[in-house]
Amino acid sequence: MSMIRDLRAVVRPSRRRGKQSPYHYDNTRNLKASAVVDCAVYSSGRRIKEQLTPAEALRRVRAEDGDSFVWIGLHEPTEAEFSGIATEYGLHPLAVEDAVVAHQRPKLERYDDSLFTVLKTIHYVEHTELTPNSEVVETGEVMCFTGRDYIITVRHGGQGSLRALRHRLEEDPELLAKGPSAVLHAIADQTVDGYLAVADAVQMDIDEVEIEVFSENAGYGRRGGDAGRIYQLKREVLEFKRAVSPLMRPMQLLSERPTRLIDPDIQNYFRDVADHLTRVNDQVLGFDDLLNSILQANLAQATVAQNEDMRKITSWAAIFAVPTMIAGIYGMNFDYMPETEWRFGYPAVLLLTVGVCAVIHRGFRRNGWL
């Protein structure tokens, strides 16, 4: 619709950083002040400039019975800290348990009149050099409880902060007027955009490893180190894959299956998120296949290098066998040895030894063994 601005511009990161919210919720029974990052009521897309507890915010919204909704942001709450909000908002116990325990697969579940969405956030860990112990990607989680008049976000991990996203959305009241589903879309879009950035960075690491593996200057010792780096990179790509692939089905459902909790206009924009996610998923699958090929090539190069070394060792052993054999024969000190009484016998044997060794060496060189 024309009333909705370009959502991509809204959810993409900007250089401007919002001020930290002064809000602190203090419920001595269940919730520590540090668990709630922010709690706000939005009416017609505009934030109400009033500090309310989660319970007060919900009562305020339902008393108005309009287009208002509550957005509560939590960071790593314990079960005791979350129980007050869960009871007040009627959240399903199974979803609450998943949100507190964390380490969940990306998924979308419906409980009564709410949607429970789990998204994995990915952060690229900068490093000067890729080593067998380098950490390439770091994961976190964002869980979203989406209802008719509320959205509760629970974040785990040091990455994936939603504070900047909240400020950008607040700058577009027309979008926020669409309700909690607009917030859910913005979170999903920001998460998938993060996947795209991480995929580009991982691609550069893979290109670097690939170039070094097939470099002419890569010796046998270097190839052994490359195997460790390739395997570590495969582990990090697998972690990336675990965040991306399971999210395909939830995004497909959000973009294709109508539900009264998702605004029809916002649902159209979930298709864009699903398309970008498909692109990232294809990239990650390609990374895995490419790393398998690079690892196999690296192991093949190591095997070839070992074979070359063994051929060289065998060739020199055959060459040195000639003087060893002749010296062994003459070392037996028999009375009637060939040419022992001849004045030039000793030089002749030396010349014979050198000549035979030279012929064998030439033969090995011609066959590529030396």
Protein backbone atom coordinates (compact mmCIF):
# COMPACT_ATOMS: atom_id res chain seq x y z
CA MET A 1 0.00 0.00 0.00
CA SER A 2 1.06 3.55 -0.59
CA MET A 3 0.76 4.41 3.09
CA ILE A 4 3.60 2.04 3.95
CA ARG A 5 7.04 3.43 3.28
CA ASP A 6 9.97 1.44 2.14
CA LEU A 7 10.42 -1.05 4.97
CA ARG A 8 13.90 -1.90 3.84
CA ALA A 9 15.06 1.61 4.67
CA VAL A 10 13.47 1.41 8.10
CA VAL A 11 15.04 -1.82 9.29
CA ARG A 12 18.51 -1.43 7.81
CA PRO A 13 21.13 -0.29 10.33
CA SER A 14 21.98 3.39 10.36
CA ARG A 15 24.92 5.24 11.78
CA ARG A 16 22.77 7.21 14.17
CA ARG A 17 22.47 5.64 17.58
CA GLY A 18 19.53 6.27 19.85
CA LYS A 19 19.86 7.23 23.46
CA GLN A 20 19.55 4.52 26.02
CA SER A 21 16.04 4.25 27.43
CA PRO A 22 15.68 5.55 30.98
CA TYR A 23 12.98 2.96 31.65
CA HIS A 24 13.48 0.60 34.57
CA TYR A 25 10.83 -1.86 35.68
CA ASP A 26 11.00 -2.90 39.29
CA ASN A 27 8.84 -5.74 40.50
CA THR A 28 10.55 -7.11 43.57
CA ARG A 29 8.57 -10.31 43.42
CA ASN A 30 9.45 -11.58 39.96
CA LEU A 31 11.42 -9.23 37.75
CA LYS A 32 14.72 -7.53 38.26
CA ALA A 33 15.23 -4.05 36.86
CA SER A 34 18.05 -5.29 34.62
CA ALA A 35 15.88 -7.89 32.83
CA VAL A 36 13.66 -5.32 31.09
CA VAL A 37 15.51 -3.33 28.46
CA ASP A 38 12.48 -1.25 27.49
CA CYS A 39 8.71 -1.22 27.82
CA ALA A 40 6.56 1.14 25.78
CA VAL A 41 2.99 1.66 24.66
CA TYR A 42 2.41 2.75 21.06
CA SER A 43 -0.82 4.40 20.04
CA SER A 44 -1.43 5.12 16.34
CA GLY A 45 2.24 4.35 15.78
CA ARG A 46 3.52 6.90 18.30
CA ARG A 47 5.17 6.11 21.58
CA ILE A 48 3.35 7.29 24.69
CA LYS A 49 5.79 9.35 26.75
CA GLU A 50 4.96 7.68 30.01
CA GLN A 51 6.89 5.09 31.98
CA LEU A 52 4.67 2.12 32.73
CA THR A 53 5.23 -1.32 34.15
CA PRO A 54 4.34 -4.23 31.84
CA ALA A 55 1.12 -4.81 33.76
CA GLU A 56 0.16 -1.12 33.63
CA ALA A 57 1.01 -0.96 29.93
CA LEU A 58 -1.25 -3.93 29.13
CA ARG A 59 -4.15 -2.45 31.10
CA ARG A 60 -3.65 0.88 29.37
CA VAL A 61 -3.75 -0.71 25.91
CA ARG A 62 -6.80 -2.86 26.54
CA ALA A 63 -8.65 0.02 28.14
CA GLU A 64 -8.25 2.03 24.93
CA ASP A 65 -9.36 -0.89 22.74
CA GLY A 66 -7.92 0.72 19.61
CA ASP A 67 -4.77 0.37 17.56
CA SER A 68 -2.46 0.55 20.59
CA PHE A 69 -0.01 -2.16 21.52
CA VAL A 70 2.81 -2.88 24.01
CA TRP A 71 6.40 -3.68 23.09
CA ILE A 72 8.45 -5.17 25.93
CA GLY A 73 12.13 -5.96 25.43
CA LEU A 74 13.87 -8.42 27.77
CA HIS A 75 17.46 -9.57 27.91
CA GLU A 76 18.26 -13.04 29.28
CA PRO A 77 15.57 -13.18 31.98
CA THR A 78 15.46 -16.08 34.43
CA GLU A 79 12.32 -18.12 34.93
CA ALA A 80 11.54 -16.24 38.16
CA GLU A 81 12.13 -12.90 36.46
CA PHE A 82 9.89 -13.76 33.51
CA SER A 83 7.03 -15.43 35.38
CA GLY A 84 5.29 -12.17 36.29
CA ILE A 85 5.03 -10.98 32.68
CA ALA A 86 4.16 -14.48 31.45
CA THR A 87 1.23 -14.67 33.87
CA GLU A 88 0.04 -11.14 33.15
CA TYR A 89 0.07 -11.62 29.37
CA GLY A 90 -1.18 -15.21 29.41
CA LEU A 91 1.86 -16.71 27.68
CA HIS A 92 1.93 -20.46 27.22
CA PRO A 93 4.22 -22.27 29.74
CA LEU A 94 5.99 -24.28 27.02
CA ALA A 95 6.89 -21.12 25.09
CA VAL A 96 8.00 -19.41 28.30
CA GLU A 97 10.26 -22.35 29.11
CA ASP A 98 11.83 -22.20 25.63
CA ALA A 99 12.37 -18.45 25.96
CA VAL A 100 14.12 -18.80 29.31
CA VAL A 101 16.24 -21.86 28.54
CA ALA A 102 17.30 -20.57 25.09
CA HIS A 103 19.46 -22.61 22.66
CA GLN A 104 16.37 -23.36 20.57
CA ARG A 105 16.08 -24.08 16.87
CA PRO A 106 14.52 -21.31 14.77
CA LYS A 107 10.80 -22.02 14.69
CA LEU A 108 7.29 -20.60 14.59
CA GLU A 109 4.61 -21.94 16.95
CA ARG A 110 1.08 -20.83 17.65
CA TYR A 111 -0.30 -20.91 21.18
CA ASP A 112 -3.95 -19.86 21.58
CA ASP A 113 -3.97 -16.17 20.56
CA SER A 114 -0.22 -15.63 20.23
CA LEU A 115 2.68 -16.54 17.97
CA PHE A 116 6.02 -17.67 19.36
CA THR A 117 8.93 -17.08 17.00
CA VAL A 118 12.57 -18.04 17.54
CA LEU A 119 15.25 -16.36 15.43
CA LYS A 120 18.98 -17.05 15.53
CA THR A 121 21.18 -13.98 15.24
CA ILE A 122 24.60 -14.33 13.61
CA HIS A 123 27.61 -12.09 14.19
CA TYR A 124 30.85 -12.30 12.21
CA VAL A 125 33.92 -12.37 14.46
CA GLU A 126 36.68 -10.25 12.99
CA HIS A 127 40.14 -11.89 12.86
CA THR A 128 43.45 -10.92 11.32
CA GLU A 129 44.29 -14.48 10.29
CA LEU A 130 42.21 -17.63 10.06
CA THR A 131 43.69 -20.36 12.27
CA PRO A 132 42.52 -23.90 13.19
CA ASN A 133 41.09 -22.36 16.39
CA SER A 134 39.55 -19.19 14.97
CA GLU A 135 35.95 -18.37 15.84
CA VAL A 136 34.30 -17.12 12.67
CA VAL A 137 30.63 -16.73 13.63
CA GLU A 138 28.96 -16.05 16.95
CA THR A 139 25.29 -16.84 17.49
CA GLY A 140 22.57 -15.39 19.67
CA GLU A 141 18.80 -15.68 19.87
CA VAL A 142 15.76 -13.44 19.71
CA MET A 143 12.40 -14.88 20.77
CA CYS A 144 9.21 -13.00 19.99
CA PHE A 145 5.80 -13.43 21.59
CA THR A 146 3.35 -11.74 19.22
CA GLY A 147 -0.24 -11.12 20.26
CA ARG A 148 -3.08 -8.91 19.09
CA ASP A 149 -2.00 -5.98 21.26
CA TYR A 150 1.52 -6.83 22.41
CA ILE A 151 4.91 -8.07 21.31
CA ILE A 152 7.47 -9.32 23.82
CA THR A 153 11.04 -9.84 22.65
CA VAL A 154 13.48 -11.95 24.65
CA ARG A 155 17.10 -11.69 23.60
CA HIS A 156 19.96 -14.04 24.48
CA GLY A 157 23.62 -13.39 23.77
CA GLY A 158 25.70 -10.27 23.44
CA GLN A 159 24.72 -9.63 19.82
CA GLY A 160 21.46 -8.69 18.12
CA SER A 161 20.50 -5.66 20.18
CA LEU A 162 17.08 -4.26 19.23
CA ARG A 163 17.50 -0.80 20.74
CA ALA A 164 18.59 0.84 17.49
CA LEU A 165 15.81 -0.95 15.60
CA ARG A 166 13.23 0.34 18.09
CA HIS A 167 14.41 3.92 17.57
CA ARG A 168 14.27 3.56 13.77
CA LEU A 169 10.76 2.16 13.92
CA GLU A 170 9.67 4.98 16.22
CA GLU A 171 10.72 7.39 13.48
CA ASP A 172 8.07 5.84 11.21
CA PRO A 173 4.71 6.04 13.06
CA GLU A 174 2.82 5.06 9.92
CA LEU A 175 4.57 1.71 9.95
CA LEU A 176 4.22 1.14 13.70
CA ALA A 177 0.50 1.82 13.37
CA LYS A 178 0.30 -1.60 11.70
CA GLY A 179 0.79 -3.15 15.12
CA PRO A 180 2.98 -5.91 16.58
CA SER A 181 3.35 -7.69 13.23
CA ALA A 182 5.29 -4.68 11.89
CA VAL A 183 7.77 -5.08 14.74
CA LEU A 184 8.03 -8.83 14.11
CA HIS A 185 8.76 -8.20 10.43
CA ALA A 186 11.40 -5.59 11.24
CA ILE A 187 13.17 -7.99 13.63
CA ALA A 188 13.08 -10.82 11.08
CA ASP A 189 14.32 -8.52 8.31
CA GLN A 190 17.18 -7.20 10.43
CA THR A 191 18.16 -10.75 11.35
CA VAL A 192 18.20 -11.94 7.73
CA ASP A 193 20.09 -8.82 6.63
CA GLY A 194 22.69 -9.81 9.22
CA TYR A 195 22.89 -13.23 7.59
CA LEU A 196 23.65 -11.60 4.23
CA ALA A 197 26.51 -9.55 5.69
CA VAL A 198 27.98 -12.57 7.49
CA ALA A 199 27.69 -14.70 4.33
CA ASP A 200 29.75 -12.15 2.38
CA ALA A 201 32.43 -12.14 5.09
CA VAL A 202 32.57 -15.94 5.27
CA GLN A 203 32.86 -16.05 1.48
CA MET A 204 36.04 -13.99 1.73
CA ASP A 205 37.49 -16.43 4.29
CA ILE A 206 36.69 -19.38 2.04
CA ASP A 207 38.24 -17.63 -0.97
CA GLU A 208 41.40 -16.98 1.04
CA VAL A 209 41.69 -20.62 2.08
CA GLU A 210 40.99 -21.81 -1.45
CA ILE A 211 43.70 -19.60 -2.94
CA GLU A 212 46.26 -20.76 -0.38
CA VAL A 213 45.41 -24.45 -0.80
CA PHE A 214 45.92 -24.29 -4.57
CA SER A 215 48.92 -21.97 -4.38
CA GLU A 216 52.07 -23.27 -6.06
CA ASN A 217 54.08 -22.21 -3.00
CA ALA A 218 52.03 -24.32 -0.61
CA GLY A 219 54.35 -27.01 0.67
CA TYR A 220 53.45 -30.24 2.46
CA GLY A 221 53.75 -28.70 5.93
CA ARG A 222 51.53 -25.81 4.90
CA ARG A 223 48.90 -28.19 3.54
CA GLY A 224 48.71 -29.91 6.92
CA GLY A 225 47.89 -26.56 8.53
CA ASP A 226 45.33 -25.82 5.81
CA ALA A 227 43.39 -28.98 6.69
CA GLY A 228 42.90 -27.73 10.25
CA ARG A 229 41.73 -24.32 9.04
CA ILE A 230 39.35 -25.85 6.51
CA TYR A 231 37.84 -28.13 9.13
CA GLN A 232 37.38 -25.23 11.55
CA LEU A 233 35.74 -23.19 8.81
CA LYS A 234 33.41 -26.12 8.08
CA ARG A 235 32.37 -26.18 11.75
CA GLU A 236 31.56 -22.47 11.67
CA VAL A 237 29.60 -22.84 8.43
CA LEU A 238 27.65 -25.68 10.06
CA GLU A 239 26.77 -23.33 12.92
CA PHE A 240 25.65 -20.79 10.34
CA LYS A 241 23.57 -23.45 8.58
CA ARG A 242 21.80 -24.38 11.83
CA ALA A 243 20.62 -20.81 12.13
CA VAL A 244 19.48 -20.33 8.54
CA SER A 245 17.97 -23.59 7.29
CA PRO A 246 15.36 -24.18 10.04
CA LEU A 247 14.08 -20.61 9.59
CA MET A 248 12.97 -21.30 6.01
CA ARG A 249 9.67 -22.92 7.00
CA PRO A 250 8.64 -20.23 9.55
CA MET A 251 9.27 -17.44 7.05
CA GLN A 252 7.29 -19.33 4.43
CA LEU A 253 4.35 -19.66 6.82
CA LEU A 254 4.48 -15.99 7.79
CA SER A 255 4.54 -14.92 4.15
CA GLU A 256 1.94 -17.33 2.76
CA ARG A 257 -0.51 -18.39 5.45
CA PRO A 258 -3.01 -15.69 6.44
CA THR A 259 -3.45 -15.14 10.17
CA ARG A 260 -5.29 -12.46 12.07
CA LEU A 261 -2.17 -11.72 14.13
CA ILE A 262 -0.26 -10.60 11.01
CA ASP A 263 -1.46 -7.53 9.14
CA PRO A 264 -2.12 -8.41 5.46
CA ASP A 265 0.05 -5.51 4.28
CA ILE A 266 2.93 -6.64 6.50
CA GLN A 267 2.52 -10.22 5.33
CA ASN A 268 3.46 -9.15 1.82
CA TYR A 269 6.80 -7.88 3.14
CA PHE A 270 7.54 -11.21 4.79
CA ARG A 271 7.87 -12.57 1.24
CA ASP A 272 10.84 -10.28 0.73
CA VAL A 273 12.43 -11.62 3.92
CA ALA A 274 11.75 -15.19 2.77
CA ASP A 275 13.41 -14.48 -0.60
CA HIS A 276 16.53 -13.10 1.05
CA LEU A 277 16.61 -16.04 3.45
CA THR A 278 16.43 -18.44 0.50
CA ARG A 279 19.40 -16.68 -1.06
CA VAL A 280 21.42 -16.98 2.16
CA ASN A 281 20.46 -20.63 2.57
CA ASP A 282 21.67 -21.39 -0.96
CA GLN A 283 24.94 -19.60 -0.18
CA VAL A 284 25.49 -21.56 3.03
CA LEU A 285 24.78 -24.87 1.30
CA GLY A 286 27.24 -23.84 -1.41
CA PHE A 287 29.83 -23.00 1.26
CA ASP A 288 29.51 -26.47 2.74
CA ASP A 289 29.92 -28.20 -0.63
CA LEU A 290 32.83 -25.95 -1.60
CA LEU A 291 34.64 -26.60 1.68
CA ASN A 292 34.17 -30.34 1.19
CA SER A 293 35.80 -30.05 -2.23
CA ILE A 294 38.65 -27.90 -0.89
CA LEU A 295 39.26 -30.35 1.96
CA GLN A 296 39.33 -33.30 -0.43
CA ALA A 297 41.73 -31.43 -2.73
CA ASN A 298 43.94 -30.58 0.23
CA LEU A 299 44.05 -34.22 1.36
CA ALA A 300 44.78 -35.31 -2.22
CA GLN A 301 47.64 -32.80 -2.42
CA ALA A 302 49.04 -34.12 0.86
CA THR A 303 48.87 -37.69 -0.46
CA VAL A 304 50.62 -36.70 -3.70
CA ALA A 305 53.32 -34.88 -1.73
CA GLN A 306 53.88 -37.97 0.42
CA ASN A 307 54.14 -40.15 -2.68
CA GLU A 308 56.68 -37.78 -4.20
CA ASP A 309 58.74 -37.87 -1.03
CA MET A 310 58.63 -41.67 -0.92
CA ARG A 311 59.77 -41.91 -4.56
CA LYS A 312 62.72 -39.61 -3.86
CA ILE A 313 63.69 -41.59 -0.79
CA THR A 314 63.41 -44.85 -2.72
CA SER A 315 65.50 -43.49 -5.60
CA TRP A 316 68.35 -42.32 -3.39
CA ALA A 317 68.23 -45.59 -1.45
CA ALA A 318 68.68 -47.49 -4.73
CA ILE A 319 71.61 -45.26 -5.74
CA PHE A 320 73.40 -45.66 -2.41
CA ALA A 321 72.82 -49.41 -2.52
CA VAL A 322 75.43 -49.73 -5.31
CA PRO A 323 78.48 -48.43 -3.37
CA THR A 324 77.21 -50.21 -0.28
CA MET A 325 77.10 -53.51 -2.13
CA ILE A 326 80.58 -53.09 -3.70
CA ALA A 327 82.10 -51.98 -0.40
CA GLY A 328 80.49 -54.96 1.29
CA ILE A 329 81.98 -57.39 -1.24
CA TYR A 330 85.50 -56.00 -0.98
CA GLY A 331 85.20 -55.80 2.78
CA MET A 332 85.17 -59.59 3.04
CA ASN A 333 88.98 -59.67 2.47
CA PHE A 334 89.23 -62.84 0.39
CA ASP A 335 92.62 -63.71 -1.02
CA TYR A 336 91.51 -63.87 -4.63
CA MET A 337 89.40 -60.69 -5.09
CA PRO A 338 89.14 -59.17 -8.61
CA GLU A 339 91.97 -56.76 -9.41
CA THR A 340 93.32 -56.68 -5.85
CA GLU A 341 96.87 -57.05 -7.14
CA TRP A 342 96.45 -54.49 -9.92
CA ARG A 343 97.89 -51.05 -9.31
CA PHE A 344 94.83 -49.23 -10.69
CA GLY A 345 92.26 -51.61 -9.20
CA TYR A 346 91.11 -49.26 -6.44
CA PRO A 347 90.51 -46.22 -8.75
CA ALA A 348 88.83 -48.51 -11.28
CA VAL A 349 86.35 -49.79 -8.69
CA LEU A 350 85.59 -46.22 -7.58
CA LEU A 351 84.99 -45.15 -11.17
CA LEU A 352 82.77 -48.17 -11.74
CA THR A 353 80.78 -47.33 -8.62
CA VAL A 354 80.32 -43.69 -9.63
CA GLY A 355 79.39 -44.67 -13.19
CA VAL A 356 76.72 -47.14 -12.10
CA CYS A 357 75.28 -44.58 -9.63
CA ALA A 358 75.22 -41.93 -12.38
CA VAL A 359 73.36 -44.25 -14.75
CA ILE A 360 70.76 -45.10 -12.08
CA HIS A 361 70.38 -41.42 -11.15
CA ARG A 362 69.82 -40.49 -14.78
CA GLY A 363 67.20 -43.17 -15.15
CA PHE A 364 65.29 -41.93 -12.09
CA ARG A 365 65.49 -38.34 -13.34
CA ARG A 366 64.17 -39.36 -16.72
CA ASN A 367 61.20 -41.12 -15.09
CA GLY A 368 60.42 -38.11 -12.85
CA TRP A 369 61.37 -39.76 -9.59
CA LEU A 370 64.13 -37.22 -8.85
